[in-house]
Amino acid sequence: MDKPFSLKELAKIIKICKNDGVSYFEYGDLKIRIGAPEQPPITPAPLARVSAKKVLQIAEKADLQSQYDSSKDALETMHVEDPSAYEALLIQGALGEEKNH
């Protein structure tokens, strides 16, 4: 390269390359790459092996959690909408809680 490029010349080169779809330009010591850098290929992680028994345990636990959450939501609704019925369940011990008086 005889003389270094001025900032105006560099800006013009970059603009022309971008507008014309040039992704790599090299002239002497000047190297311009336009666009995202190349990403290395993604290698998938190895799959974990899970036994059928473990899958059933996980499914049962998820089902129990869902039932618990539904029951809890229903009790919270009852506590607000029908406090006397909620209190009756507490007195009977049906909620698993004891009333200390």
N, C-alpha and C. Protein backbone atom coordinates (compact mmCIF):
# COMPACT_ATOMS: atom_id res chain seq x y z
N MET A 1 0.85 -1.15 0.00
CA MET A 1 0.00 0.00 0.00
C MET A 1 0.91 1.23 0.00
N ASP A 2 0.67 2.13 -0.93
CA ASP A 2 1.53 3.30 -1.06
C ASP A 2 1.32 4.30 0.07
N LYS A 3 0.09 4.72 0.30
CA LYS A 3 -0.19 5.69 1.36
C LYS A 3 -1.39 5.19 2.16
N PRO A 4 -1.44 5.56 3.43
CA PRO A 4 -2.59 5.12 4.23
C PRO A 4 -3.87 5.80 3.77
N PHE A 5 -4.99 5.10 3.97
CA PHE A 5 -6.29 5.66 3.61
C PHE A 5 -6.67 6.74 4.61
N SER A 6 -7.35 7.77 4.13
CA SER A 6 -7.89 8.79 5.03
C SER A 6 -9.19 8.24 5.64
N LEU A 7 -9.68 8.90 6.68
CA LEU A 7 -10.93 8.46 7.30
C LEU A 7 -12.08 8.51 6.31
N LYS A 8 -12.12 9.52 5.46
CA LYS A 8 -13.18 9.62 4.44
C LYS A 8 -13.12 8.44 3.48
N GLU A 9 -11.90 8.10 3.06
CA GLU A 9 -11.74 6.97 2.14
C GLU A 9 -12.15 5.67 2.80
N LEU A 10 -11.76 5.47 4.07
CA LEU A 10 -12.15 4.24 4.78
C LEU A 10 -13.66 4.16 4.93
N ALA A 11 -14.28 5.27 5.30
CA ALA A 11 -15.74 5.29 5.45
C ALA A 11 -16.41 4.94 4.13
N LYS A 12 -15.89 5.48 3.03
CA LYS A 12 -16.47 5.21 1.71
C LYS A 12 -16.29 3.74 1.33
N ILE A 13 -15.12 3.17 1.60
CA ILE A 13 -14.87 1.75 1.31
C ILE A 13 -15.84 0.88 2.09
N ILE A 14 -15.98 1.17 3.38
CA ILE A 14 -16.88 0.37 4.23
C ILE A 14 -18.32 0.48 3.74
N LYS A 15 -18.75 1.69 3.41
CA LYS A 15 -20.12 1.91 2.93
C LYS A 15 -20.38 1.14 1.64
N ILE A 16 -19.45 1.23 0.69
CA ILE A 16 -19.60 0.53 -0.59
C ILE A 16 -19.65 -0.98 -0.37
N CYS A 17 -18.74 -1.49 0.48
CA CYS A 17 -18.73 -2.93 0.75
C CYS A 17 -20.06 -3.38 1.35
N LYS A 18 -20.55 -2.61 2.31
CA LYS A 18 -21.80 -2.96 2.98
C LYS A 18 -22.96 -2.92 1.99
N ASN A 19 -23.05 -1.85 1.21
CA ASN A 19 -24.16 -1.71 0.26
C ASN A 19 -24.13 -2.76 -0.84
N ASP A 20 -22.94 -3.21 -1.22
CA ASP A 20 -22.82 -4.20 -2.30
C ASP A 20 -22.79 -5.63 -1.79
N GLY A 21 -22.95 -5.81 -0.48
CA GLY A 21 -23.02 -7.17 0.08
C GLY A 21 -21.67 -7.84 0.25
N VAL A 22 -20.60 -7.06 0.24
CA VAL A 22 -19.26 -7.62 0.44
C VAL A 22 -19.07 -7.85 1.94
N SER A 23 -18.73 -9.08 2.31
CA SER A 23 -18.57 -9.35 3.74
C SER A 23 -17.10 -9.32 4.17
N TYR A 24 -16.17 -9.43 3.21
CA TYR A 24 -14.75 -9.39 3.55
C TYR A 24 -14.00 -8.64 2.45
N PHE A 25 -13.16 -7.70 2.88
CA PHE A 25 -12.37 -6.90 1.95
C PHE A 25 -10.95 -6.83 2.47
N GLU A 26 -9.99 -7.08 1.57
CA GLU A 26 -8.58 -7.02 1.97
C GLU A 26 -7.80 -6.29 0.88
N TYR A 27 -7.02 -5.30 1.31
CA TYR A 27 -6.16 -4.56 0.39
C TYR A 27 -4.90 -4.21 1.15
N GLY A 28 -3.81 -4.85 0.84
CA GLY A 28 -2.56 -4.64 1.56
C GLY A 28 -2.73 -5.02 3.02
N ASP A 29 -2.42 -4.08 3.90
CA ASP A 29 -2.56 -4.33 5.34
C ASP A 29 -3.99 -4.10 5.83
N LEU A 30 -4.84 -3.54 4.99
CA LEU A 30 -6.23 -3.24 5.39
C LEU A 30 -7.10 -4.49 5.20
N LYS A 31 -7.74 -4.90 6.29
CA LYS A 31 -8.66 -6.04 6.24
C LYS A 31 -9.96 -5.61 6.91
N ILE A 32 -11.07 -5.77 6.19
CA ILE A 32 -12.37 -5.37 6.72
C ILE A 32 -13.32 -6.57 6.62
N ARG A 33 -13.95 -6.89 7.73
CA ARG A 33 -14.97 -7.94 7.75
C ARG A 33 -16.27 -7.28 8.19
N ILE A 34 -17.31 -7.41 7.37
CA ILE A 34 -18.61 -6.81 7.67
C ILE A 34 -19.60 -7.91 8.01
N GLY A 35 -20.33 -7.69 9.10
CA GLY A 35 -21.33 -8.68 9.54
C GLY A 35 -20.87 -9.35 10.81
N ALA A 36 -21.70 -10.26 11.26
CA ALA A 36 -21.40 -10.97 12.50
C ALA A 36 -20.23 -11.91 12.30
N PRO A 37 -19.39 -12.06 13.30
CA PRO A 37 -18.28 -13.02 13.18
C PRO A 37 -18.82 -14.44 13.06
N GLU A 38 -18.07 -15.25 12.39
CA GLU A 38 -18.50 -16.64 12.23
C GLU A 38 -18.50 -17.32 13.59
N GLN A 39 -19.58 -18.04 13.86
CA GLN A 39 -19.72 -18.76 15.12
C GLN A 39 -19.25 -20.19 14.93
N PRO A 40 -18.55 -20.72 15.91
CA PRO A 40 -18.17 -22.13 15.81
C PRO A 40 -19.44 -22.99 15.85
N PRO A 41 -19.41 -24.14 15.22
CA PRO A 41 -20.60 -24.99 15.23
C PRO A 41 -20.96 -25.40 16.66
N ILE A 42 -22.24 -25.46 16.91
CA ILE A 42 -22.74 -25.84 18.23
C ILE A 42 -22.83 -27.35 18.31
N THR A 43 -22.18 -27.90 19.31
CA THR A 43 -22.27 -29.34 19.50
C THR A 43 -23.27 -29.61 20.61
N PRO A 44 -24.25 -30.44 20.34
CA PRO A 44 -25.27 -30.70 21.36
C PRO A 44 -24.67 -31.45 22.55
N ALA A 45 -25.21 -31.15 23.71
CA ALA A 45 -24.77 -31.84 24.92
C ALA A 45 -25.27 -33.28 24.87
N PRO A 46 -24.53 -34.18 25.46
CA PRO A 46 -24.99 -35.57 25.46
C PRO A 46 -26.29 -35.69 26.27
N LEU A 47 -27.17 -36.53 25.79
CA LEU A 47 -28.44 -36.74 26.47
C LEU A 47 -28.24 -37.60 27.71
N ALA A 48 -28.92 -37.21 28.76
CA ALA A 48 -28.86 -38.00 29.98
C ALA A 48 -29.79 -39.20 29.83
N ARG A 49 -29.34 -40.29 30.31
CA ARG A 49 -30.18 -41.50 30.26
C ARG A 49 -30.96 -41.60 31.55
N VAL A 50 -32.27 -41.69 31.42
CA VAL A 50 -33.14 -41.77 32.57
C VAL A 50 -33.96 -43.05 32.45
N SER A 51 -34.00 -43.78 33.54
CA SER A 51 -34.74 -45.04 33.52
C SER A 51 -36.24 -44.76 33.52
N ALA A 52 -37.00 -45.75 33.06
CA ALA A 52 -38.46 -45.63 33.04
C ALA A 52 -38.99 -45.44 34.45
N LYS A 53 -38.36 -46.08 35.42
CA LYS A 53 -38.78 -45.94 36.81
C LYS A 53 -38.62 -44.50 37.28
N LYS A 54 -37.51 -43.87 36.93
CA LYS A 54 -37.26 -42.48 37.31
C LYS A 54 -38.26 -41.55 36.63
N VAL A 55 -38.57 -41.83 35.37
CA VAL A 55 -39.56 -41.02 34.65
C VAL A 55 -40.91 -41.10 35.35
N LEU A 56 -41.31 -42.31 35.77
CA LEU A 56 -42.58 -42.47 36.50
C LEU A 56 -42.56 -41.73 37.82
N GLN A 57 -41.43 -41.78 38.53
CA GLN A 57 -41.32 -41.07 39.81
C GLN A 57 -41.46 -39.56 39.60
N ILE A 58 -40.83 -39.06 38.57
CA ILE A 58 -40.91 -37.63 38.27
C ILE A 58 -42.35 -37.24 37.91
N ALA A 59 -43.01 -38.07 37.09
CA ALA A 59 -44.39 -37.80 36.69
C ALA A 59 -45.32 -37.84 37.90
N GLU A 60 -45.13 -38.82 38.78
CA GLU A 60 -45.96 -38.92 39.98
C GLU A 60 -45.75 -37.71 40.88
N LYS A 61 -44.50 -37.30 41.04
CA LYS A 61 -44.20 -36.14 41.87
C LYS A 61 -44.85 -34.88 41.29
N ALA A 62 -44.78 -34.72 39.96
CA ALA A 62 -45.39 -33.56 39.31
C ALA A 62 -46.90 -33.58 39.48
N ASP A 63 -47.51 -34.78 39.40
CA ASP A 63 -48.95 -34.92 39.58
C ASP A 63 -49.34 -34.57 41.01
N LEU A 64 -48.57 -35.06 41.98
CA LEU A 64 -48.85 -34.75 43.38
C LEU A 64 -48.71 -33.25 43.64
N GLN A 65 -47.70 -32.63 43.06
CA GLN A 65 -47.50 -31.19 43.23
C GLN A 65 -48.69 -30.43 42.64
N SER A 66 -49.16 -30.87 41.48
CA SER A 66 -50.30 -30.22 40.84
C SER A 66 -51.56 -30.35 41.71
N GLN A 67 -51.77 -31.55 42.27
CA GLN A 67 -52.92 -31.76 43.15
C GLN A 67 -52.81 -30.89 44.39
N TYR A 68 -51.63 -30.81 44.96
CA TYR A 68 -51.40 -29.99 46.15
C TYR A 68 -51.70 -28.52 45.84
N ASP A 69 -51.17 -28.03 44.71
CA ASP A 69 -51.38 -26.64 44.34
C ASP A 69 -52.86 -26.34 44.13
N SER A 70 -53.59 -27.26 43.48
CA SER A 70 -55.03 -27.08 43.26
C SER A 70 -55.78 -27.04 44.58
N SER A 71 -55.44 -27.96 45.49
CA SER A 71 -56.10 -27.99 46.80
C SER A 71 -55.81 -26.73 47.59
N LYS A 72 -54.57 -26.29 47.54
CA LYS A 72 -54.19 -25.07 48.26
C LYS A 72 -54.96 -23.87 47.72
N ASP A 73 -55.06 -23.78 46.39
CA ASP A 73 -55.82 -22.68 45.79
C ASP A 73 -57.28 -22.72 46.20
N ALA A 74 -57.87 -23.92 46.21
CA ALA A 74 -59.27 -24.07 46.60
C ALA A 74 -59.47 -23.65 48.06
N LEU A 75 -58.55 -24.05 48.94
CA LEU A 75 -58.66 -23.68 50.35
C LEU A 75 -58.50 -22.16 50.54
N GLU A 76 -57.59 -21.56 49.81
CA GLU A 76 -57.42 -20.11 49.91
C GLU A 76 -58.68 -19.38 49.45
N THR A 77 -59.30 -19.90 48.39
CA THR A 77 -60.55 -19.32 47.91
C THR A 77 -61.65 -19.50 48.95
N MET A 78 -61.73 -20.70 49.54
CA MET A 78 -62.73 -20.96 50.57
C MET A 78 -62.52 -20.03 51.77
N HIS A 79 -61.29 -19.83 52.15
CA HIS A 79 -60.97 -18.97 53.29
C HIS A 79 -61.52 -17.57 53.09
N VAL A 80 -61.50 -17.08 51.83
CA VAL A 80 -61.99 -15.74 51.52
C VAL A 80 -63.50 -15.74 51.29
N GLU A 81 -64.00 -16.72 50.50
CA GLU A 81 -65.40 -16.71 50.09
C GLU A 81 -66.34 -17.35 51.10
N ASP A 82 -65.86 -18.31 51.87
CA ASP A 82 -66.71 -19.00 52.85
C ASP A 82 -65.91 -19.27 54.12
N PRO A 83 -65.61 -18.22 54.89
CA PRO A 83 -64.75 -18.39 56.06
C PRO A 83 -65.32 -19.35 57.10
N SER A 84 -66.65 -19.42 57.22
CA SER A 84 -67.23 -20.32 58.23
C SER A 84 -66.98 -21.79 57.85
N ALA A 85 -67.08 -22.14 56.59
CA ALA A 85 -66.80 -23.52 56.16
C ALA A 85 -65.31 -23.84 56.35
N TYR A 86 -64.47 -22.86 56.07
CA TYR A 86 -63.03 -23.04 56.25
C TYR A 86 -62.72 -23.28 57.73
N GLU A 87 -63.33 -22.49 58.60
CA GLU A 87 -63.11 -22.64 60.03
C GLU A 87 -63.64 -23.98 60.53
N ALA A 88 -64.76 -24.43 59.98
CA ALA A 88 -65.31 -25.73 60.36
C ALA A 88 -64.32 -26.85 60.02
N LEU A 89 -63.69 -26.76 58.85
CA LEU A 89 -62.69 -27.76 58.47
C LEU A 89 -61.49 -27.71 59.41
N LEU A 90 -61.10 -26.50 59.80
CA LEU A 90 -60.00 -26.37 60.75
C LEU A 90 -60.34 -27.04 62.08
N ILE A 91 -61.55 -26.79 62.58
CA ILE A 91 -61.98 -27.36 63.85
C ILE A 91 -62.03 -28.88 63.78
N GLN A 92 -62.47 -29.41 62.65
CA GLN A 92 -62.55 -30.87 62.48
C GLN A 92 -61.16 -31.49 62.31
N GLY A 93 -60.19 -30.67 62.04
CA GLY A 93 -58.84 -31.19 61.83
C GLY A 93 -58.64 -31.74 60.42
N ALA A 94 -59.59 -31.43 59.53
CA ALA A 94 -59.53 -31.96 58.16
C ALA A 94 -58.43 -31.30 57.34
N LEU A 95 -57.90 -30.18 57.80
CA LEU A 95 -56.87 -29.48 57.04
C LEU A 95 -55.46 -29.83 57.52
N GLY A 96 -55.38 -30.69 58.51
CA GLY A 96 -54.07 -31.09 58.99
C GLY A 96 -53.44 -30.04 59.88
N GLU A 97 -54.19 -29.02 60.25
CA GLU A 97 -53.69 -27.98 61.14
C GLU A 97 -54.47 -28.06 62.42
N GLU A 98 -53.86 -27.70 63.51
CA GLU A 98 -54.56 -27.68 64.80
C GLU A 98 -54.80 -26.26 65.20
N LYS A 99 -55.96 -26.05 65.78
CA LYS A 99 -56.30 -24.73 66.30
C LYS A 99 -55.94 -24.68 67.75
N ASN A 100 -55.11 -23.76 68.12
CA ASN A 100 -54.68 -23.63 69.53
C ASN A 100 -55.45 -22.50 70.17
N HIS A 101 -56.33 -22.80 71.14
CA HIS A 101 -57.06 -21.77 71.89
C HIS A 101 -56.82 -22.00 73.34
